[in-house]
Protein backbone atom coordinates (compact mmCIF):
# COMPACT_ATOMS: atom_id res chain seq x y z
CA MET A 1 0.00 0.00 0.00
CA GLU A 2 2.91 2.37 0.79
CA GLU A 3 4.21 2.12 -2.79
CA ILE A 4 0.90 3.12 -4.38
CA ILE A 5 0.37 5.94 -1.85
CA GLU A 6 3.77 7.41 -2.71
CA LYS A 7 3.02 7.07 -6.44
CA LEU A 8 -0.25 8.99 -5.99
CA ARG A 9 1.36 11.64 -3.76
CA GLU A 10 4.07 12.28 -6.34
CA PHE A 11 1.48 12.66 -9.09
CA LYS A 12 -0.61 14.99 -6.88
CA ALA A 13 2.46 17.12 -6.13
CA ILE A 14 3.12 17.49 -9.87
CA GLN A 15 -0.49 18.56 -10.48
CA GLU A 16 -0.35 21.10 -7.64
CA THR A 17 2.62 22.84 -9.26
CA ASN A 18 0.45 23.61 -12.30
CA ILE A 19 -2.83 24.70 -10.69
CA LYS A 20 -4.12 28.20 -11.21
CA LYS A 21 -5.52 30.74 -8.79
CA GLY A 22 -8.86 29.67 -7.35
CA GLU A 23 -8.12 25.94 -7.95
CA ALA A 24 -7.30 23.15 -5.48
CA ILE A 25 -6.56 19.43 -5.93
CA ILE A 26 -9.08 17.47 -3.81
CA ASP A 27 -8.19 13.87 -4.66
CA ILE A 28 -6.18 11.70 -7.06
CA ILE A 29 -7.82 8.42 -8.13
CA TYR A 30 -5.61 5.78 -9.77
CA TYR A 31 -7.07 3.59 -12.54
CA GLY A 32 -3.90 1.52 -13.13
CA LYS A 33 -2.51 0.75 -16.59
CA ILE A 34 -4.81 1.48 -19.52
CA THR A 35 -4.24 0.73 -23.22
CA LEU A 36 -4.60 3.66 -25.62
CA SER A 37 -5.08 2.69 -29.25
CA LYS A 38 -7.13 3.51 -32.35
CA ASN A 39 -7.06 -0.22 -33.10
CA ASP A 40 -5.27 0.22 -36.43
CA ILE A 41 -4.26 -2.98 -38.21
CA ASP A 42 -0.56 -2.88 -37.25
CA MET A 43 -1.19 -1.60 -33.69
CA LEU A 44 1.65 0.85 -34.25
CA ASN A 45 0.25 3.51 -31.93
CA GLU A 46 -0.85 1.22 -29.08
CA THR A 47 0.63 2.29 -25.72
CA GLU A 48 0.08 1.50 -22.05
CA GLU A 49 -0.20 4.46 -19.72
CA ASP A 50 -0.87 5.05 -16.02
CA LEU A 51 -4.34 6.61 -15.84
CA TYR A 52 -5.40 9.01 -13.09
CA LEU A 53 -8.67 10.82 -12.38
CA VAL A 54 -7.89 14.24 -10.91
CA LYS A 55 -10.66 15.73 -8.77
CA LYS A 56 -10.18 19.43 -8.25
CA GLU A 57 -12.16 22.38 -7.01
CA LYS A 58 -12.39 25.42 -9.23
CA ASN A 59 -14.26 28.50 -8.01
CA GLY A 60 -16.32 26.40 -5.60
CA LYS A 61 -17.23 23.74 -8.21
CA ASN A 62 -15.83 20.22 -8.59
CA GLU A 63 -14.17 19.26 -11.87
CA PHE A 64 -12.91 15.82 -12.98
CA GLU A 65 -10.06 15.20 -15.46
CA PHE A 66 -8.62 11.90 -16.73
CA ARG A 67 -4.85 12.41 -16.98
CA ILE A 68 -1.78 10.51 -18.07
CA ASN A 69 1.77 11.78 -17.64
CA THR A 70 1.57 13.72 -20.92
CA GLY A 71 -1.65 15.63 -20.18
CA VAL A 72 -5.44 15.64 -19.94
CA ILE A 73 -6.97 12.96 -22.18
CA ALA A 74 -10.63 13.35 -21.16
CA ARG A 75 -13.01 15.25 -18.87
CA ILE A 76 -16.27 14.35 -17.16
CA GLY A 77 -19.00 16.79 -18.17
CA ASP A 78 -21.75 18.29 -15.98
CA GLU A 79 -24.15 15.49 -16.96
CA GLY A 80 -21.66 12.68 -16.30
CA GLN A 81 -20.58 12.17 -19.92
CA ILE A 82 -16.93 11.48 -20.74
CA VAL A 83 -15.52 13.91 -23.32
CA ILE A 84 -12.22 13.03 -25.05
CA SER A 85 -9.79 15.96 -25.34
CA GLU A 86 -9.15 17.33 -28.83
CA ASP A 87 -5.41 16.51 -28.64
CA PHE A 88 -6.15 12.82 -27.99
CA LYS A 89 -9.10 12.14 -30.31
CA GLU A 90 -6.78 10.72 -32.96
CA LEU A 91 -4.97 8.51 -30.43
CA ILE A 92 -7.90 7.02 -28.48
CA ASN A 93 -10.60 4.59 -29.49
CA GLU A 94 -13.42 6.09 -27.40
CA THR A 95 -15.52 2.89 -27.21
CA GLU A 96 -12.57 0.76 -26.09
CA PHE A 97 -11.56 3.44 -23.59
CA LEU A 98 -15.03 3.44 -21.96
CA LEU A 99 -15.10 -0.38 -21.84
CA GLN A 100 -11.76 -0.42 -20.04
CA LEU A 101 -13.04 2.07 -17.46
CA GLU A 102 -15.99 -0.21 -16.68
CA ARG A 103 -13.63 -3.10 -15.88
CA ILE A 104 -11.41 -1.10 -13.48
CA MET A 105 -11.83 -0.65 -9.72
CA PRO A 106 -10.13 2.73 -9.06
CA ILE A 107 -8.03 3.55 -5.97
CA SER A 108 -8.48 6.88 -4.15
CA LEU A 109 -5.49 8.65 -2.53
CA GLU A 110 -7.85 10.29 -0.02
CA LYS A 111 -9.16 6.90 1.17
CA LEU A 112 -5.67 5.32 1.26
CA GLU A 113 -4.34 8.18 3.42
CA ALA A 114 -7.27 7.77 5.82
CA LEU A 115 -6.43 4.05 6.17
CA GLU A 116 -2.74 4.84 6.65
CA LYS A 117 -3.54 7.38 9.38
CA ASN A 118 -5.72 4.86 11.19
CA GLU A 119 -2.94 2.23 11.06
CA ASN A 120 -0.36 4.69 12.40
CA ASN A 121 -2.61 5.64 15.30
CA GLN A 122 -2.96 1.98 16.25
CA LYS A 123 0.85 1.45 16.11
CA ILE A 124 1.45 4.45 18.38
CA ALA A 125 -1.10 3.15 20.87
CA LYS A 126 0.69 -0.22 21.03
CA THR A 127 4.27 1.02 21.43
CA THR A 128 3.52 3.45 24.29
CA LYS A 129 2.76 0.63 26.74
CA LYS A 130 5.76 -0.59 28.82
CA ASP A 131 4.28 -3.70 30.29
CA LYS A 132 3.79 -6.42 27.66
CA THR A 133 0.80 -8.00 29.37
CA ALA A 134 -0.85 -4.65 29.92
CA GLU A 135 -0.05 -3.75 26.30
CA ASN A 136 -1.77 -6.87 24.99
CA GLU A 137 -4.82 -6.26 27.15
CA GLN A 138 -4.99 -2.63 26.10
CA THR A 139 -4.58 -3.57 22.43
CA LEU A 140 -7.51 -5.95 22.73
CA GLU A 141 -9.59 -3.22 24.31
CA ASN A 142 -8.56 -0.76 21.60
CA GLU A 143 -9.54 -3.18 18.85
CA LYS A 144 -12.94 -3.75 20.46
CA THR A 145 -13.44 -0.01 20.83
CA ILE A 146 -12.45 0.67 17.21
CA GLU A 147 -14.76 -2.08 16.01
CA LYS A 148 -17.63 -0.62 18.07
CA GLU A 149 -16.91 2.91 16.83
CA ASP A 150 -16.84 1.70 13.23
CA LYS A 151 -20.29 0.19 13.70
CA ASP A 152 -21.73 3.13 15.63
CA THR A 153 -20.10 5.99 13.71
CA PRO A 154 -21.95 6.85 10.47
CA LYS A 155 -19.90 6.69 7.31
CA LYS A 156 -19.42 10.00 5.47
CA TYR A 157 -20.70 10.03 1.91
CA ILE A 158 -17.91 10.51 -0.64
CA GLU A 159 -19.03 11.90 -3.98
CA ASN A 160 -18.61 9.73 -7.06
CA SER A 161 -18.99 11.20 -10.56
CA LYS A 162 -21.00 8.17 -11.73
CA ASP A 163 -23.54 8.24 -8.88
CA ALA A 164 -27.09 8.89 -10.13
CA LYS A 165 -29.14 11.12 -7.83
CA ILE A 166 -32.89 10.53 -7.48
CA ASP A 167 -35.18 13.58 -7.30
CA LEU A 168 -36.92 12.70 -4.01
CA ARG A 169 -39.77 15.20 -4.29
CA LYS A 170 -40.77 14.67 -7.91
CA LYS A 171 -43.81 12.46 -8.44
CA ILE A 172 -42.97 8.89 -9.49
CA THR A 173 -46.57 7.76 -9.93
CA GLU A 174 -49.56 10.05 -10.36
CA LYS A 175 -49.74 10.83 -6.62
CA GLU A 176 -46.59 9.49 -4.94
CA ASN A 177 -42.96 10.61 -4.72
CA PHE A 178 -40.09 8.58 -3.24
CA TYR A 179 -40.88 9.69 0.32
CA ASP A 180 -44.46 8.41 -0.13
CA LEU A 181 -43.35 5.06 -1.53
CA VAL A 182 -40.53 4.53 1.00
CA PRO A 183 -41.60 6.30 4.25
CA GLU A 184 -38.40 5.17 5.96
CA ALA A 185 -36.47 7.76 3.91
CA LYS A 186 -38.31 10.66 5.53
CA GLU A 187 -38.25 9.04 8.99
CA LYS A 188 -34.43 8.77 8.84
CA GLY A 189 -33.96 12.37 7.63
CA ILE A 190 -32.61 11.46 4.20
CA VAL A 191 -32.22 14.60 2.07
CA ASP A 192 -30.39 13.04 -0.92
CA LEU A 193 -30.50 9.59 -2.45
CA VAL A 194 -28.01 8.24 -4.98
CA VAL A 195 -27.68 4.98 -6.88
CA ARG A 196 -24.18 3.57 -7.17
CA ARG A 197 -22.72 0.67 -9.13
CA LYS A 198 -21.19 -1.87 -6.71
CA ASP A 199 -19.64 -4.16 -9.31
CA ASN A 200 -20.25 -5.27 -12.89
CA SER A 201 -23.78 -6.53 -12.24
CA THR A 202 -25.24 -5.03 -9.04
CA PHE A 203 -26.18 -1.59 -7.73
CA GLU A 204 -27.13 -0.08 -4.37
CA PHE A 205 -29.15 2.86 -3.01
CA ILE A 206 -27.24 5.21 -0.70
CA GLY A 207 -29.27 7.54 1.53
CA ILE A 208 -27.57 10.75 2.72
CA ASN A 209 -28.76 12.73 5.76
CA GLY A 210 -28.38 16.44 6.48
CA ASP A 211 -24.91 15.88 8.01
CA GLY A 212 -23.63 14.22 4.84
CA GLU A 213 -23.64 10.73 6.40
CA GLU A 214 -24.68 7.54 4.63
CA VAL A 215 -27.93 5.96 5.84
CA LYS A 216 -28.99 2.38 5.12
CA LEU A 217 -32.55 1.93 3.83
CA LYS A 218 -33.83 -1.36 5.24
CA SER A 219 -37.11 -1.02 3.32
CA LEU A 220 -35.34 -1.78 0.04
CA GLU A 221 -34.35 -5.42 -0.39
CA GLN A 222 -32.68 -6.99 -3.41
CA THR A 223 -34.70 -9.76 -5.03
CA GLU A 224 -34.43 -12.07 -8.04
CA GLY A 225 -30.81 -12.94 -7.14
CA THR A 226 -27.67 -10.88 -7.62
CA ASN A 227 -27.92 -10.87 -11.43
CA PRO A 228 -31.54 -11.36 -12.41
CA ASN A 229 -31.36 -10.60 -16.17
CA LYS A 230 -35.11 -10.17 -15.83
CA ASP A 231 -37.18 -9.03 -18.81
CA ILE A 232 -39.22 -5.97 -17.78
CA VAL A 233 -41.93 -4.26 -19.84
CA GLU A 234 -40.42 -0.77 -19.82
CA ILE A 235 -42.28 2.45 -20.70
CA ASN A 236 -40.07 5.43 -21.49
CA ALA A 237 -40.58 8.95 -20.12
CA ASP A 238 -43.02 10.23 -22.76
CA GLY A 239 -44.79 6.94 -23.50
CA SER A 240 -43.55 6.84 -27.09
CA THR A 241 -41.75 3.50 -26.58
CA VAL A 242 -42.90 0.41 -24.71
CA LYS A 243 -40.59 -2.59 -24.97
CA LYS A 244 -39.03 -5.47 -23.06
CA ASP A 245 -35.57 -4.92 -21.64
CA GLN A 246 -33.24 -6.55 -19.11
CA VAL A 247 -32.20 -5.02 -15.78
CA SER A 248 -29.26 -5.78 -13.48
CA THR A 249 -30.85 -5.22 -10.06
CA ILE A 250 -34.39 -5.45 -8.68
CA LEU A 251 -35.14 -3.95 -5.24
CA LYS A 252 -38.56 -4.55 -3.69
CA ILE A 253 -40.20 -2.13 -1.22
CA LYS A 254 -40.79 -4.03 2.02
CA ASN A 255 -42.61 -1.49 4.19
CA GLY A 256 -44.44 0.84 1.81
CA LYS A 257 -48.18 1.32 1.36
CA ASN A 258 -48.49 -2.18 -0.12
CA GLU A 259 -46.64 -3.87 2.75
CA GLY A 260 -46.76 -7.65 2.57
CA LYS A 261 -47.69 -7.78 -1.11
CA GLN A 262 -44.15 -7.04 -2.34
CA ASN A 263 -45.51 -6.09 -5.74
CA GLU A 264 -43.61 -2.81 -6.23
CA GLY A 265 -40.07 -1.51 -6.10
CA PHE A 266 -37.21 -0.28 -8.27
CA THR A 267 -35.18 -1.75 -11.13
CA ILE A 268 -31.68 -0.56 -12.05
CA LYS A 269 -29.56 -1.06 -15.13
CA LEU A 270 -26.38 0.51 -16.52
CA GLY A 271 -27.13 3.50 -18.72
CA GLU A 272 -25.15 5.80 -20.98
CA TYR A 273 -21.58 6.68 -19.87
CA GLY A 274 -21.75 4.12 -17.05
CA ILE A 275 -24.39 6.04 -15.05
CA PRO A 276 -27.20 3.91 -13.51
CA GLU A 277 -30.77 4.26 -14.80
CA VAL A 278 -33.59 3.74 -12.28
CA SER A 279 -37.23 2.74 -12.91
CA TYR A 280 -40.22 2.14 -10.64
CA TYR A 281 -41.97 -1.20 -11.19
CA ARG A 282 -45.18 -2.99 -10.34
CA ARG A 283 -45.36 -6.79 -10.44
CA SER A 284 -48.28 -8.86 -11.62
CA SER A 285 -48.90 -11.44 -8.89
CA GLU A 286 -50.66 -13.82 -11.31
CA LEU A 287 -48.22 -13.58 -14.21
CA ASN A 288 -45.09 -12.90 -12.11
CA GLU A 289 -44.18 -10.28 -14.72
CA TYR A 290 -43.06 -6.69 -14.31
CA SER A 291 -43.94 -3.31 -15.82
CA SER A 292 -41.86 -0.18 -15.14
CA ILE A 293 -41.58 3.57 -15.79
CA PRO A 294 -38.52 5.87 -15.35
CA VAL A 295 -37.78 7.61 -12.03
CA ASN A 296 -36.83 11.29 -12.33
CA MET A 297 -33.12 11.90 -11.73
CA GLU A 298 -31.38 15.19 -10.86
CA ASN A 299 -27.94 14.89 -12.46
CA THR A 300 -28.57 13.20 -15.81
CA ASN A 301 -29.98 14.33 -19.14
CA GLN A 302 -32.93 11.95 -18.76
CA LYS A 303 -36.30 13.40 -19.81
CA ARG A 304 -38.91 14.16 -17.13
CA THR A 305 -41.55 11.44 -16.93
CA ASP A 306 -44.82 12.72 -18.40
CA GLN A 307 -47.96 12.83 -16.29
CA ASP A 308 -49.92 10.39 -18.47
CA VAL A 309 -47.15 7.81 -18.03
CA ARG A 310 -47.25 8.26 -14.25
CA GLU A 311 -51.05 8.06 -14.27
CA TYR A 312 -50.88 4.79 -16.19
CA MET A 313 -48.60 3.24 -13.56
CA GLU A 314 -50.92 4.43 -10.77
CA LYS A 315 -53.85 2.68 -12.51
CA THR A 316 -51.92 -0.59 -12.75
CA ARG A 317 -52.02 -1.00 -8.97
CA ASN A 318 -52.76 -4.58 -7.86
CA THR A 319 -55.75 -6.10 -9.73
CA THR A 320 -55.31 -4.48 -13.14
CA THR A 321 -51.55 -5.05 -13.40
CA ASN A 322 -52.12 -8.47 -14.96
CA ASP A 323 -54.28 -7.10 -17.81
CA ASN A 324 -51.95 -4.19 -18.58
CA ILE A 325 -48.81 -6.34 -18.71
CA LYS A 326 -50.52 -8.98 -20.86
CA ARG A 327 -51.81 -6.30 -23.25
CA ALA A 328 -48.30 -4.84 -23.53
CA GLU A 329 -46.65 -8.20 -24.14
CA ASP A 330 -49.21 -9.15 -26.80
CA ARG A 331 -48.67 -5.86 -28.62
CA ILE A 332 -44.86 -6.07 -28.39
CA ASN A 333 -44.76 -9.65 -29.66
CA HIS A 334 -47.10 -8.72 -32.54
CA ASN A 335 -44.85 -5.93 -33.86
CA GLU A 336 -41.77 -6.61 -35.97
CA ASP A 337 -39.69 -4.03 -34.09
CA LYS A 338 -40.78 -5.53 -30.73
CA GLU A 339 -41.96 -2.12 -29.54
CA THR A 340 -45.26 -0.28 -29.14
CA GLU A 341 -46.58 2.92 -27.52
CA LEU A 342 -48.42 3.69 -24.31
CA GLU A 343 -51.60 4.55 -26.24
CA ASN A 344 -51.70 0.94 -27.44
CA ILE A 345 -51.69 -0.63 -23.95
CA ASP A 346 -53.58 1.83 -21.74
CA ASP A 347 -57.18 1.37 -20.61
CA ASN A 348 -58.68 3.18 -23.62
CA PRO A 349 -58.96 0.91 -26.71
CA TYR A 350 -60.12 3.82 -28.89
CA ASN A 351 -56.90 5.83 -28.83
CA ASP A 352 -54.67 3.03 -30.17
CA LYS A 353 -52.14 3.96 -32.82
CA ILE A 354 -53.61 2.17 -35.88
CA ILE A 355 -52.20 2.46 -39.37
CA ASP A 356 -55.48 1.55 -41.16
CA PRO A 357 -58.00 4.47 -40.89
CA SER A 358 -60.85 2.04 -41.69
CA GLU A 359 -60.14 0.24 -38.44
CA ILE A 360 -60.56 3.49 -36.53
CA GLU A 361 -64.01 4.08 -38.11
CA ILE A 362 -65.09 0.55 -37.22
CA ARG A 363 -63.98 0.99 -33.61
CA LYS A 364 -65.85 4.29 -33.31
CA ALA A 365 -69.02 2.68 -34.69
CA ALA A 366 -68.72 -0.25 -32.24
CA LYS A 367 -68.40 2.24 -29.40
CA ARG A 368 -71.53 4.11 -30.55
CA CYS A 369 -73.46 0.80 -30.62
CA LYS A 370 -72.07 -0.11 -27.19
CA ILE A 371 -70.87 -3.55 -28.33
CA SER A 372 -67.44 -5.11 -28.75
CA ILE A 373 -65.39 -4.50 -31.89
CA GLU A 374 -65.50 -8.23 -32.70
CA GLU A 375 -69.33 -8.28 -32.50
CA PHE A 376 -69.60 -5.21 -34.72
CA LYS A 377 -67.28 -6.75 -37.32
CA GLN A 378 -69.43 -9.89 -37.41
CA GLU A 379 -72.49 -7.77 -38.20
CA LEU A 380 -70.50 -5.69 -40.70
CA GLU A 381 -69.66 -8.78 -42.78
CA LYS A 382 -73.38 -9.42 -43.33
CA GLN A 383 -74.06 -5.96 -44.80
CA GLU A 384 -74.13 -4.89 -48.43
CA GLY A 385 -72.95 -1.54 -49.78
CA ASP A 386 -70.65 0.10 -52.29
CA THR A 387 -68.43 1.71 -49.65
CA LEU A 388 -67.26 0.94 -46.13
CA GLU A 389 -69.23 3.96 -44.89
CA GLU A 390 -72.46 2.49 -46.28
CA LYS A 391 -71.77 -0.91 -44.71
CA ILE A 392 -70.99 0.68 -41.32
CA GLU A 393 -74.20 2.75 -41.50
CA ASN A 394 -76.27 -0.36 -42.39
CA ALA A 395 -74.63 -2.37 -39.61
CA GLU A 396 -75.40 0.34 -37.05
CA GLU A 397 -79.04 0.47 -38.18
CA GLU A 398 -79.33 -3.32 -37.92
CA ILE A 399 -77.77 -3.43 -34.44
CA ASN A 400 -79.96 -0.57 -33.17
CA GLU A 401 -83.05 -2.29 -34.66
CA GLN A 402 -82.13 -5.53 -32.89
CA TYR A 403 -81.66 -3.62 -29.65
CA ARG A 404 -85.10 -1.95 -29.97
CA GLY A 405 -86.66 -5.36 -30.71
CA ARG A 406 -85.18 -6.85 -27.58
CA THR A 407 -86.37 -3.90 -25.53
CA GLU A 408 -89.95 -4.15 -26.85
CA ARG A 409 -90.10 -7.90 -26.14
CA ARG A 410 -88.94 -7.35 -22.56
CA ALA A 411 -91.64 -4.64 -22.16
């Protein structure tokens, strides 16, 4: 550990010699060796470089730069995107670069120095005791005390550029925000909530209180295993796309309004630039299938979820979830592109996106006659006429005449 700390300190010292007025180096994060190449046939320009992420403060705002010994090769933008520097665009295959970042577990100088300080304090405590027996006893006591303090002392939240922050007060369904769905968050004084990638396949929620300390949410429990690869019927923010997609993590709400039913929670998958994407789901108890809509985030370029999408999810509560999911799956499987739109799976069959205008006229006529579309079509096939309009008109007259006949017989 000493060798890597010294390596990071040396690199930090070099960076501090070049900072400008109003800037300060906050942390140096080491990503190890990374291969830089445009993947040309002869691999003539392929090199291995030590990669560092420099976190610095500039005029009260945090900035993040990926650096090698020869300069800045990329920056992290305000919305979490990685932007390759102009001087390196010809030397870096951007896709390969991003893939390498996903496979690396970075090392923070700030965290290493905190560990080093803790170890030094323990060594000092041991060597100050003259009596060996007393020293051993005291060491045991110190270890117990440290262990107890570690458990009792809240952990400070350390910012990560790839954390996705949930907007706690924005509505997730038609009527409920995160505080409503997970009351524990308000009870524990959580003011911020982020989603962080733990490893290649799992994610976690991190609650943050007013003192900047991490708070565990016991109401959220991972289900479907550590890597579910579960197909979810996903509706995007404006309802223009409904499709099946896989997620990496499913967390059920244990103590929300539907306590005991475990039919709602959150799904998480890896989004653009390695930033997690979060959705709110409801589960069909009969089909054991899921439907989800996006959760509004604060620090990404994700679109706000439209009200009609949130209203749809509110209506799918409990008993109707089965019908809505089945309708969505039928529509998705029917289409060549395996997608549909919210209008095609909501509770209103008369606003479906239909290519054939004749079908729309038939559906309107069936609605006027207060019978099913299938029943109206059966009657329509019996009618004669030169145009579809004439056949529809004749069918309506026949159905209304039949209805009057039934009414008169009952009278």
